[in-house]
Every structure is written in structure tokens, then in C-alpha cells.
Amino acid sequence: MPRKPFPARTNAPEGHVKATFTQRAWGPRRTLLCCFVLDDGYPFRLSTFPRKDYAPYQSGPSFRYARTGERYRLEIGRSQTGLPTFLTAERIDG
């Protein structure tokens, strides 16, 4: 099976969104890159870091254990440099 392409780094939507987890990969400096897709097919990725056990910055589960196809309610902000900031995640049941 061919590997899925990774979405661009800075194209994550801002605010509260519902999205499906599609894949993860290790990035530079032990960063875990988490890929999602919105219901309309829009792909994006967010970074998690070891200092938070690969969980969002404010609250949420560790994405080391996320499974493909899981649905989440996400909150995404922007850093001072304009990059996406993964603030919160809540798993949506069903």
C-alpha cells in the first residue's frame, strides 16, 4: 500500500473543528506529527511534543496512542509566528 502524502505544515484551520485522525509520523527533534482530515476532505497536520507526552498544549489525550479513523473535537490557535498551535483535543464517541 502506498504511503499517504502528508499535508502541508501551515494549512491547519483555526478555531474549534471536528476532524478524523488519519496518520502520524515522527518529525524532527522527537516531534510527533498528527494528520487529520475535516468532513469536507480538507487535510492538515498538527505537531505534538515530548514535554506534553505528545498531547495537545492545554488538554487532551496523548496522540502516541491514537488510532486511524478516530474522531476528535479540536481547538487550534496560532503562535506568535503564525504557525498552528494544537491547543485541545477531545475524542468524539461513535
PDB file of N, CA and C in Angstrom:
ATOM      1  N   MET A   1       0.848  -1.177   0.000  1.00  0.00           N
ATOM      2  CA  MET A   1       0.000   0.000   0.000  1.00  0.00           C
ATOM      3  C   MET A   1       0.890   1.236   0.000  1.00  0.00           C
ATOM      4  N   PRO A   2       0.667   2.177  -0.914  1.00  0.00           N
ATOM      5  CA  PRO A   2       1.491   3.396  -0.943  1.00  0.00           C
ATOM      6  C   PRO A   2       1.222   4.261   0.272  1.00  0.00           C
ATOM      7  N   ARG A   3       2.258   4.943   0.708  1.00  0.00           N
ATOM      8  CA  ARG A   3       2.139   5.836   1.860  1.00  0.00           C
ATOM      9  C   ARG A   3       1.310   7.061   1.488  1.00  0.00           C
ATOM     10  N   LYS A   4       0.444   7.483   2.404  1.00  0.00           N
ATOM     11  CA  LYS A   4      -0.380   8.664   2.174  1.00  0.00           C
ATOM     12  C   LYS A   4       0.494   9.910   2.221  1.00  0.00           C
ATOM     13  N   PRO A   5       0.231  10.893   1.371  1.00  0.00           N
ATOM     14  CA  PRO A   5       1.024  12.129   1.434  1.00  0.00           C
ATOM     15  C   PRO A   5       0.684  12.922   2.693  1.00  0.00           C
ATOM     16  N   PHE A   6       1.689  13.574   3.234  1.00  0.00           N
ATOM     17  CA  PHE A   6       1.491  14.411   4.411  1.00  0.00           C
ATOM     18  C   PHE A   6       0.990  15.778   3.990  1.00  0.00           C
ATOM     19  N   PRO A   7       0.002  16.330   4.703  1.00  0.00           N
ATOM     20  CA  PRO A   7      -0.462  17.680   4.400  1.00  0.00           C
ATOM     21  C   PRO A   7       0.596  18.727   4.748  1.00  0.00           C
ATOM     22  N   ALA A   8       0.461  19.872   4.135  1.00  0.00           N
ATOM     23  CA  ALA A   8       1.396  20.973   4.391  1.00  0.00           C
ATOM     24  C   ALA A   8       1.342  21.404   5.846  1.00  0.00           C
ATOM     25  N   ARG A   9       2.434  21.927   6.342  1.00  0.00           N
ATOM     26  CA  ARG A   9       2.584  22.254   7.758  1.00  0.00           C
ATOM     27  C   ARG A   9       1.654  23.369   8.238  1.00  0.00           C
ATOM     28  N   THR A  10       1.469  24.404   7.459  1.00  0.00           N
ATOM     29  CA  THR A  10       0.787  25.601   7.972  1.00  0.00           C
ATOM     30  C   THR A  10      -0.657  25.745   7.505  1.00  0.00           C
ATOM     31  N   ASN A  11      -1.273  24.689   7.031  1.00  0.00           N
ATOM     32  CA  ASN A  11      -2.626  24.858   6.491  1.00  0.00           C
ATOM     33  C   ASN A  11      -3.736  24.451   7.452  1.00  0.00           C
ATOM     34  N   ALA A  12      -3.444  24.264   8.733  1.00  0.00           N
ATOM     35  CA  ALA A  12      -4.473  23.869   9.699  1.00  0.00           C
ATOM     36  C   ALA A  12      -5.479  25.002   9.900  1.00  0.00           C
ATOM     37  N   PRO A  13      -6.772  24.656   9.993  1.00  0.00           N
ATOM     38  CA  PRO A  13      -7.767  25.698  10.265  1.00  0.00           C
ATOM     39  C   PRO A  13      -7.597  26.221  11.690  1.00  0.00           C
ATOM     40  N   GLU A  14      -8.124  27.396  11.947  1.00  0.00           N
ATOM     41  CA  GLU A  14      -8.040  27.978  13.281  1.00  0.00           C
ATOM     42  C   GLU A  14      -9.408  27.910  13.939  1.00  0.00           C
ATOM     43  N   GLY A  15      -9.428  27.694  15.253  1.00  0.00           N
ATOM     44  CA  GLY A  15     -10.682  27.649  15.991  1.00  0.00           C
ATOM     45  C   GLY A  15     -11.047  26.234  16.399  1.00  0.00           C
ATOM     46  N   HIS A  16     -12.344  25.997  16.583  1.00  0.00           N
ATOM     47  CA  HIS A  16     -12.857  24.685  17.002  1.00  0.00           C
ATOM     48  C   HIS A  16     -13.326  23.932  15.765  1.00  0.00           C
ATOM     49  N   VAL A  17     -12.829  22.707  15.582  1.00  0.00           N
ATOM     50  CA  VAL A  17     -13.207  21.887  14.432  1.00  0.00           C
ATOM     51  C   VAL A  17     -13.383  20.437  14.873  1.00  0.00           C
ATOM     52  N   LYS A  18     -14.147  19.691  14.092  1.00  0.00           N
ATOM     53  CA  LYS A  18     -14.244  18.245  14.255  1.00  0.00           C
ATOM     54  C   LYS A  18     -13.473  17.621  13.109  1.00  0.00           C
ATOM     55  N   ALA A  19     -12.621  16.638  13.434  1.00  0.00           N
ATOM     56  CA  ALA A  19     -11.768  16.047  12.408  1.00  0.00           C
ATOM     57  C   ALA A  19     -11.498  14.580  12.716  1.00  0.00           C
ATOM     58  N   THR A  20     -11.086  13.856  11.675  1.00  0.00           N
ATOM     59  CA  THR A  20     -10.734  12.440  11.793  1.00  0.00           C
ATOM     60  C   THR A  20      -9.223  12.299  11.756  1.00  0.00           C
ATOM     61  N   PHE A  21      -8.677  11.549  12.698  1.00  0.00           N
ATOM     62  CA  PHE A  21      -7.241  11.262  12.734  1.00  0.00           C
ATOM     63  C   PHE A  21      -6.921  10.278  11.612  1.00  0.00           C
ATOM     64  N   THR A  22      -5.906  10.607  10.782  1.00  0.00           N
ATOM     65  CA  THR A  22      -5.586   9.750   9.641  1.00  0.00           C
ATOM     66  C   THR A  22      -4.239   9.045   9.751  1.00  0.00           C
ATOM     67  N   GLN A  23      -3.235   9.702  10.328  1.00  0.00           N
ATOM     68  CA  GLN A  23      -1.919   9.075  10.472  1.00  0.00           C
ATOM     69  C   GLN A  23      -1.018   9.933  11.346  1.00  0.00           C
ATOM     70  N   ARG A  24       0.118   9.355  11.726  1.00  0.00           N
ATOM     71  CA  ARG A  24       1.120  10.101  12.488  1.00  0.00           C
ATOM     72  C   ARG A  24       2.488   9.653  12.008  1.00  0.00           C
ATOM     73  N   ALA A  25       3.468  10.510  12.262  1.00  0.00           N
ATOM     74  CA  ALA A  25       4.856  10.186  11.917  1.00  0.00           C
ATOM     75  C   ALA A  25       5.772  11.001  12.810  1.00  0.00           C
ATOM     76  N   TRP A  26       6.949  10.479  13.028  1.00  0.00           N
ATOM     77  CA  TRP A  26       7.937  11.194  13.834  1.00  0.00           C
ATOM     78  C   TRP A  26       8.578  12.290  12.994  1.00  0.00           C
ATOM     79  N   GLY A  27       8.643  13.469  13.573  1.00  0.00           N
ATOM     80  CA  GLY A  27       9.267  14.605  12.917  1.00  0.00           C
ATOM     81  C   GLY A  27      10.611  14.913  13.558  1.00  0.00           C
ATOM     82  N   PRO A  28      11.154  16.070  13.240  1.00  0.00           N
ATOM     83  CA  PRO A  28      12.445  16.458  13.813  1.00  0.00           C
ATOM     84  C   PRO A  28      12.343  16.685  15.321  1.00  0.00           C
ATOM     85  N   ARG A  29      13.420  16.441  16.020  1.00  0.00           N
ATOM     86  CA  ARG A  29      13.521  16.664  17.471  1.00  0.00           C
ATOM     87  C   ARG A  29      12.420  15.965  18.267  1.00  0.00           C
ATOM     88  N   ARG A  30      12.124  14.726  17.907  1.00  0.00           N
ATOM     89  CA  ARG A  30      11.147  13.896  18.608  1.00  0.00           C
ATOM     90  C   ARG A  30       9.729  14.468  18.578  1.00  0.00           C
ATOM     91  N   THR A  31       9.414  15.280  17.595  1.00  0.00           N
ATOM     92  CA  THR A  31       8.071  15.799  17.406  1.00  0.00           C
ATOM     93  C   THR A  31       7.207  14.704  16.784  1.00  0.00           C
ATOM     94  N   LEU A  32       5.974  14.577  17.243  1.00  0.00           N
ATOM     95  CA  LEU A  32       5.035  13.645  16.642  1.00  0.00           C
ATOM     96  C   LEU A  32       4.064  14.446  15.792  1.00  0.00           C
ATOM     97  N   LEU A  33       4.061  14.200  14.489  1.00  0.00           N
ATOM     98  CA  LEU A  33       3.190  14.900  13.553  1.00  0.00           C
ATOM     99  C   LEU A  33       1.879  14.131  13.431  1.00  0.00           C
ATOM    100  N   CYS A  34       0.771  14.793  13.714  1.00  0.00           N
ATOM    101  CA  CYS A  34      -0.548  14.174  13.702  1.00  0.00           C
ATOM    102  C   CYS A  34      -1.351  14.730  12.529  1.00  0.00           C
ATOM    103  N   CYS A  35      -1.812  13.840  11.672  1.00  0.00           N
ATOM    104  CA  CYS A  35      -2.565  14.254  10.485  1.00  0.00           C
ATOM    105  C   CYS A  35      -4.052  14.009  10.689  1.00  0.00           C
ATOM    106  N   PHE A  36      -4.828  14.966  10.233  1.00  0.00           N
ATOM    107  CA  PHE A  36      -6.281  14.921  10.353  1.00  0.00           C
ATOM    108  C   PHE A  36      -6.909  15.303   9.021  1.00  0.00           C
ATOM    109  N   VAL A  37      -8.199  14.996   8.892  1.00  0.00           N
ATOM    110  CA  VAL A  37      -8.972  15.450   7.745  1.00  0.00           C
ATOM    111  C   VAL A  37     -10.349  15.893   8.247  1.00  0.00           C
ATOM    112  N   LEU A  38     -10.813  17.037   7.738  1.00  0.00           N
ATOM    113  CA  LEU A  38     -12.156  17.517   8.067  1.00  0.00           C
ATOM    114  C   LEU A  38     -13.186  16.721   7.276  1.00  0.00           C
ATOM    115  N   ASP A  39     -14.456  16.863   7.625  1.00  0.00           N
ATOM    116  CA  ASP A  39     -15.526  16.150   6.920  1.00  0.00           C
ATOM    117  C   ASP A  39     -15.571  16.480   5.436  1.00  0.00           C
ATOM    118  N   ASP A  40     -15.157  17.681   5.067  1.00  0.00           N
ATOM    119  CA  ASP A  40     -15.178  18.065   3.651  1.00  0.00           C
ATOM    120  C   ASP A  40     -13.932  17.604   2.887  1.00  0.00           C
ATOM    121  N   GLY A  41     -13.053  16.830   3.564  1.00  0.00           N
ATOM    122  CA  GLY A  41     -11.863  16.292   2.900  1.00  0.00           C
ATOM    123  C   GLY A  41     -10.620  17.138   3.034  1.00  0.00           C
ATOM    124  N   TYR A  42     -10.700  18.260   3.729  1.00  0.00           N
ATOM    125  CA  TYR A  42      -9.558  19.171   3.895  1.00  0.00           C
ATOM    126  C   TYR A  42      -8.531  18.558   4.853  1.00  0.00           C
ATOM    127  N   PRO A  43      -7.316  18.234   4.375  1.00  0.00           N
ATOM    128  CA  PRO A  43      -6.295  17.628   5.243  1.00  0.00           C
ATOM    129  C   PRO A  43      -5.412  18.681   5.904  1.00  0.00           C
ATOM    130  N   PHE A  44      -4.944  18.357   7.113  1.00  0.00           N
ATOM    131  CA  PHE A  44      -3.998  19.231   7.796  1.00  0.00           C
ATOM    132  C   PHE A  44      -3.239  18.414   8.826  1.00  0.00           C
ATOM    133  N   ARG A  45      -2.173  18.992   9.342  1.00  0.00           N
ATOM    134  CA  ARG A  45      -1.415  18.302  10.386  1.00  0.00           C
ATOM    135  C   ARG A  45      -1.068  19.252  11.516  1.00  0.00           C
ATOM    136  N   LEU A  46      -0.899  18.652  12.693  1.00  0.00           N
ATOM    137  CA  LEU A  46      -0.544  19.393  13.895  1.00  0.00           C
ATOM    138  C   LEU A  46       0.603  18.672  14.574  1.00  0.00           C
ATOM    139  N   SER A  47       1.420  19.412  15.291  1.00  0.00           N
ATOM    140  CA  SER A  47       2.572  18.827  15.980  1.00  0.00           C
ATOM    141  C   SER A  47       2.287  18.666  17.467  1.00  0.00           C
ATOM    142  N   THR A  48       2.783  17.565  18.027  1.00  0.00           N
ATOM    143  CA  THR A  48       2.772  17.363  19.470  1.00  0.00           C
ATOM    144  C   THR A  48       4.216  17.125  19.909  1.00  0.00           C
ATOM    145  N   PHE A  49       4.473  17.332  21.195  1.00  0.00           N
ATOM    146  CA  PHE A  49       5.850  17.346  21.673  1.00  0.00           C
ATOM    147  C   PHE A  49       6.033  16.444  22.893  1.00  0.00           C
ATOM    148  N   PRO A  50       7.261  15.949  23.114  1.00  0.00           N
ATOM    149  CA  PRO A  50       7.503  15.040  24.235  1.00  0.00           C
ATOM    150  C   PRO A  50       7.267  15.675  25.605  1.00  0.00           C
ATOM    151  N   ARG A  51       7.464  16.975  25.736  1.00  0.00           N
ATOM    152  CA  ARG A  51       7.286  17.618  27.047  1.00  0.00           C
ATOM    153  C   ARG A  51       5.843  17.537  27.529  1.00  0.00           C
ATOM    154  N   LYS A  52       4.904  17.293  26.642  1.00  0.00           N
ATOM    155  CA  LYS A  52       3.487  17.130  26.989  1.00  0.00           C
ATOM    156  C   LYS A  52       3.030  15.686  26.759  1.00  0.00           C
ATOM    157  N   ASP A  53       3.961  14.746  26.659  1.00  0.00           N
ATOM    158  CA  ASP A  53       3.664  13.343  26.352  1.00  0.00           C
ATOM    159  C   ASP A  53       2.847  13.222  25.060  1.00  0.00           C
ATOM    160  N   TYR A  54       3.151  14.070  24.093  1.00  0.00           N
ATOM    161  CA  TYR A  54       2.537  14.052  22.766  1.00  0.00           C
ATOM    162  C   TYR A  54       1.036  14.327  22.802  1.00  0.00           C
ATOM    163  N   ALA A  55       0.620  15.128  23.773  1.00  0.00           N
ATOM    164  CA  ALA A  55      -0.766  15.575  23.893  1.00  0.00           C
ATOM    165  C   ALA A  55      -0.830  17.047  23.480  1.00  0.00           C
ATOM    166  N   PRO A  56      -2.035  17.573  23.193  1.00  0.00           N
ATOM    167  CA  PRO A  56      -2.160  18.998  22.888  1.00  0.00           C
ATOM    168  C   PRO A  56      -1.652  19.867  24.037  1.00  0.00           C
ATOM    169  N   TYR A  57      -1.355  21.116  23.732  1.00  0.00           N
ATOM    170  CA  TYR A  57      -0.726  22.029  24.681  1.00  0.00           C
ATOM    171  C   TYR A  57      -1.531  22.226  25.966  1.00  0.00           C
ATOM    172  N   GLN A  58      -2.855  22.433  25.846  1.00  0.00           N
ATOM    173  CA  GLN A  58      -3.662  22.716  27.045  1.00  0.00           C
ATOM    174  C   GLN A  58      -4.303  21.472  27.646  1.00  0.00           C
ATOM    175  N   SER A  59      -4.941  20.644  26.824  1.00  0.00           N
ATOM    176  CA  SER A  59      -5.567  19.426  27.352  1.00  0.00           C
ATOM    177  C   SER A  59      -5.910  18.461  26.227  1.00  0.00           C
ATOM    178  N   GLY A  60      -5.964  17.182  26.590  1.00  0.00           N
ATOM    179  CA  GLY A  60      -6.319  16.152  25.621  1.00  0.00           C
ATOM    180  C   GLY A  60      -5.459  14.924  25.777  1.00  0.00           C
ATOM    181  N   PRO A  61      -5.777  13.880  25.025  1.00  0.00           N
ATOM    182  CA  PRO A  61      -5.051  12.615  25.143  1.00  0.00           C
ATOM    183  C   PRO A  61      -3.699  12.651  24.433  1.00  0.00           C
ATOM    184  N   SER A  62      -2.847  11.716  24.790  1.00  0.00           N
ATOM    185  CA  SER A  62      -1.583  11.556  24.076  1.00  0.00           C
ATOM    186  C   SER A  62      -1.871  10.948  22.711  1.00  0.00           C
ATOM    187  N   PHE A  63      -1.341  11.554  21.670  1.00  0.00           N
ATOM    188  CA  PHE A  63      -1.574  11.053  20.318  1.00  0.00           C
ATOM    189  C   PHE A  63      -0.600   9.934  19.947  1.00  0.00           C
ATOM    190  N   ARG A  64       0.246   9.527  20.881  1.00  0.00           N
ATOM    191  CA  ARG A  64       1.074   8.334  20.665  1.00  0.00           C
ATOM    192  C   ARG A  64       0.183   7.110  20.502  1.00  0.00           C
ATOM    193  N   TYR A  65      -1.011   7.166  21.096  1.00  0.00           N
ATOM    194  CA  TYR A  65      -1.905   6.019  21.125  1.00  0.00           C
ATOM    195  C   TYR A  65      -3.146   6.188  20.253  1.00  0.00           C
ATOM    196  N   ALA A  66      -3.233   7.257  19.493  1.00  0.00           N
ATOM    197  CA  ALA A  66      -4.397   7.494  18.635  1.00  0.00           C
ATOM    198  C   ALA A  66      -4.442   6.453  17.514  1.00  0.00           C
ATOM    199  N   ARG A  67      -5.646   6.111  17.132  1.00  0.00           N
ATOM    200  CA  ARG A  67      -5.840   5.133  16.054  1.00  0.00           C
ATOM    201  C   ARG A  67      -6.459   5.802  14.835  1.00  0.00           C
ATOM    202  N   THR A  68      -6.048   5.347  13.682  1.00  0.00           N
ATOM    203  CA  THR A  68      -6.601   5.848  12.429  1.00  0.00           C
ATOM    204  C   THR A  68      -8.124   5.704  12.451  1.00  0.00           C
ATOM    205  N   GLY A  69      -8.806   6.766  12.047  1.00  0.00           N
ATOM    206  CA  GLY A  69     -10.265   6.759  11.988  1.00  0.00           C
ATOM    207  C   GLY A  69     -10.948   7.329  13.211  1.00  0.00           C
ATOM    208  N   GLU A  70     -10.207   7.567  14.293  1.00  0.00           N
ATOM    209  CA  GLU A  70     -10.821   8.161  15.478  1.00  0.00           C
ATOM    210  C   GLU A  70     -11.210   9.609  15.195  1.00  0.00           C
ATOM    211  N   ARG A  71     -12.357  10.014  15.762  1.00  0.00           N
ATOM    212  CA  ARG A  71     -12.860  11.378  15.563  1.00  0.00           C
ATOM    213  C   ARG A  71     -12.558  12.220  16.798  1.00  0.00           C
ATOM    214  N   TYR A  72     -12.208  13.489  16.550  1.00  0.00           N
ATOM    215  CA  TYR A  72     -11.854  14.410  17.634  1.00  0.00           C
ATOM    216  C   TYR A  72     -12.481  15.775  17.420  1.00  0.00           C
ATOM    217  N   ARG A  73     -12.762  16.431  18.526  1.00  0.00           N
ATOM    218  CA  ARG A  73     -13.114  17.851  18.545  1.00  0.00           C
ATOM    219  C   ARG A  73     -11.823  18.564  18.935  1.00  0.00           C
ATOM    220  N   LEU A  74     -11.303  19.403  18.060  1.00  0.00           N
ATOM    221  CA  LEU A  74     -10.005  20.053  18.247  1.00  0.00           C
ATOM    222  C   LEU A  74     -10.162  21.555  18.425  1.00  0.00           C
ATOM    223  N   GLU A  75      -9.247  22.131  19.179  1.00  0.00           N
ATOM    224  CA  GLU A  75      -9.123  23.584  19.232  1.00  0.00           C
ATOM    225  C   GLU A  75      -7.721  23.915  18.738  1.00  0.00           C
ATOM    226  N   ILE A  76      -7.659  24.780  17.718  1.00  0.00           N
ATOM    227  CA  ILE A  76      -6.391  25.135  17.090  1.00  0.00           C
ATOM    228  C   ILE A  76      -6.232  26.646  17.129  1.00  0.00           C
ATOM    229  N   GLY A  77      -5.093  27.077  17.624  1.00  0.00           N
ATOM    230  CA  GLY A  77      -4.782  28.500  17.660  1.00  0.00           C
ATOM    231  C   GLY A  77      -3.620  28.806  16.734  1.00  0.00           C
ATOM    232  N   ARG A  78      -3.026  29.970  16.920  1.00  0.00           N
ATOM    233  CA  ARG A  78      -1.850  30.388  16.143  1.00  0.00           C
ATOM    234  C   ARG A  78      -0.780  30.877  17.097  1.00  0.00           C
ATOM    235  N   SER A  79       0.452  30.527  16.789  1.00  0.00           N
ATOM    236  CA  SER A  79       1.583  31.025  17.578  1.00  0.00           C
ATOM    237  C   SER A  79       1.870  32.461  17.181  1.00  0.00           C
ATOM    238  N   GLN A  80       2.804  33.086  17.869  1.00  0.00           N
ATOM    239  CA  GLN A  80       3.185  34.470  17.532  1.00  0.00           C
ATOM    240  C   GLN A  80       3.774  34.564  16.134  1.00  0.00           C
ATOM    241  N   THR A  81       4.306  33.449  15.639  1.00  0.00           N
ATOM    242  CA  THR A  81       4.885  33.443  14.283  1.00  0.00           C
ATOM    243  C   THR A  81       3.878  32.993  13.231  1.00  0.00           C
ATOM    244  N   GLY A  82       2.628  32.706  13.646  1.00  0.00           N
ATOM    245  CA  GLY A  82       1.586  32.350  12.700  1.00  0.00           C
ATOM    246  C   GLY A  82       1.429  30.869  12.423  1.00  0.00           C
ATOM    247  N   LEU A  83       2.211  30.024  13.096  1.00  0.00           N
ATOM    248  CA  LEU A  83       2.084  28.583  12.892  1.00  0.00           C
ATOM    249  C   LEU A  83       0.931  28.023  13.719  1.00  0.00           C
ATOM    250  N   PRO A  84       0.319  26.924  13.274  1.00  0.00           N
ATOM    251  CA  PRO A  84      -0.765  26.325  14.051  1.00  0.00           C
ATOM    252  C   PRO A  84      -0.289  25.865  15.421  1.00  0.00           C
ATOM    253  N   THR A  85      -1.138  26.049  16.435  1.00  0.00           N
ATOM    254  CA  THR A  85      -0.863  25.594  17.791  1.00  0.00           C
ATOM    255  C   THR A  85      -1.985  24.648  18.196  1.00  0.00           C
ATOM    256  N   PHE A  86      -1.636  23.411  18.523  1.00  0.00           N
ATOM    257  CA  PHE A  86      -2.593  22.371  18.902  1.00  0.00           C
ATOM    258  C   PHE A  86      -2.947  22.584  20.368  1.00  0.00           C
ATOM    259  N   LEU A  87      -4.114  23.189  20.634  1.00  0.00           N
ATOM    260  CA  LEU A  87      -4.468  23.578  21.995  1.00  0.00           C
ATOM    261  C   LEU A  87      -5.187  22.478  22.770  1.00  0.00           C
ATOM    262  N   THR A  88      -6.281  21.949  22.225  1.00  0.00           N
ATOM    263  CA  THR A  88      -7.033  20.920  22.936  1.00  0.00           C
ATOM    264  C   THR A  88      -7.550  19.864  21.963  1.00  0.00           C
ATOM    265  N   ALA A  89      -7.847  18.684  22.503  1.00  0.00           N
ATOM    266  CA  ALA A  89      -8.467  17.608  21.740  1.00  0.00           C
ATOM    267  C   ALA A  89      -9.371  16.822  22.658  1.00  0.00           C
ATOM    268  N   GLU A  90     -10.532  16.470  22.138  1.00  0.00           N
ATOM    269  CA  GLU A  90     -11.476  15.634  22.873  1.00  0.00           C
ATOM    270  C   GLU A  90     -11.985  14.568  21.907  1.00  0.00           C
ATOM    271  N   ARG A  91     -11.866  13.326  22.298  1.00  0.00           N
ATOM    272  CA  ARG A  91     -12.340  12.236  21.445  1.00  0.00           C
ATOM    273  C   ARG A  91     -13.857  12.280  21.386  1.00  0.00           C
ATOM    274  N   ILE A  92     -14.400  12.124  20.184  1.00  0.00           N
ATOM    275  CA  ILE A  92     -15.842  12.091  19.975  1.00  0.00           C
ATOM    276  C   ILE A  92     -16.239  10.623  19.867  1.00  0.00           C
ATOM    277  N   ASP A  93     -17.076  10.156  20.762  1.00  0.00           N
ATOM    278  CA  ASP A  93     -17.503   8.764  20.738  1.00  0.00           C
ATOM    279  C   ASP A  93     -18.431   8.499  19.574  1.00  0.00           C
ATOM    280  N   GLY A  94     -18.324   7.300  19.046  1.00  0.00           N
ATOM    281  CA  GLY A  94     -19.196   6.850  17.971  1.00  0.00           C
ATOM    282  C   GLY A  94     -18.790   7.396  16.696  1.00  0.00           C
TER     283      GLY A  94
END
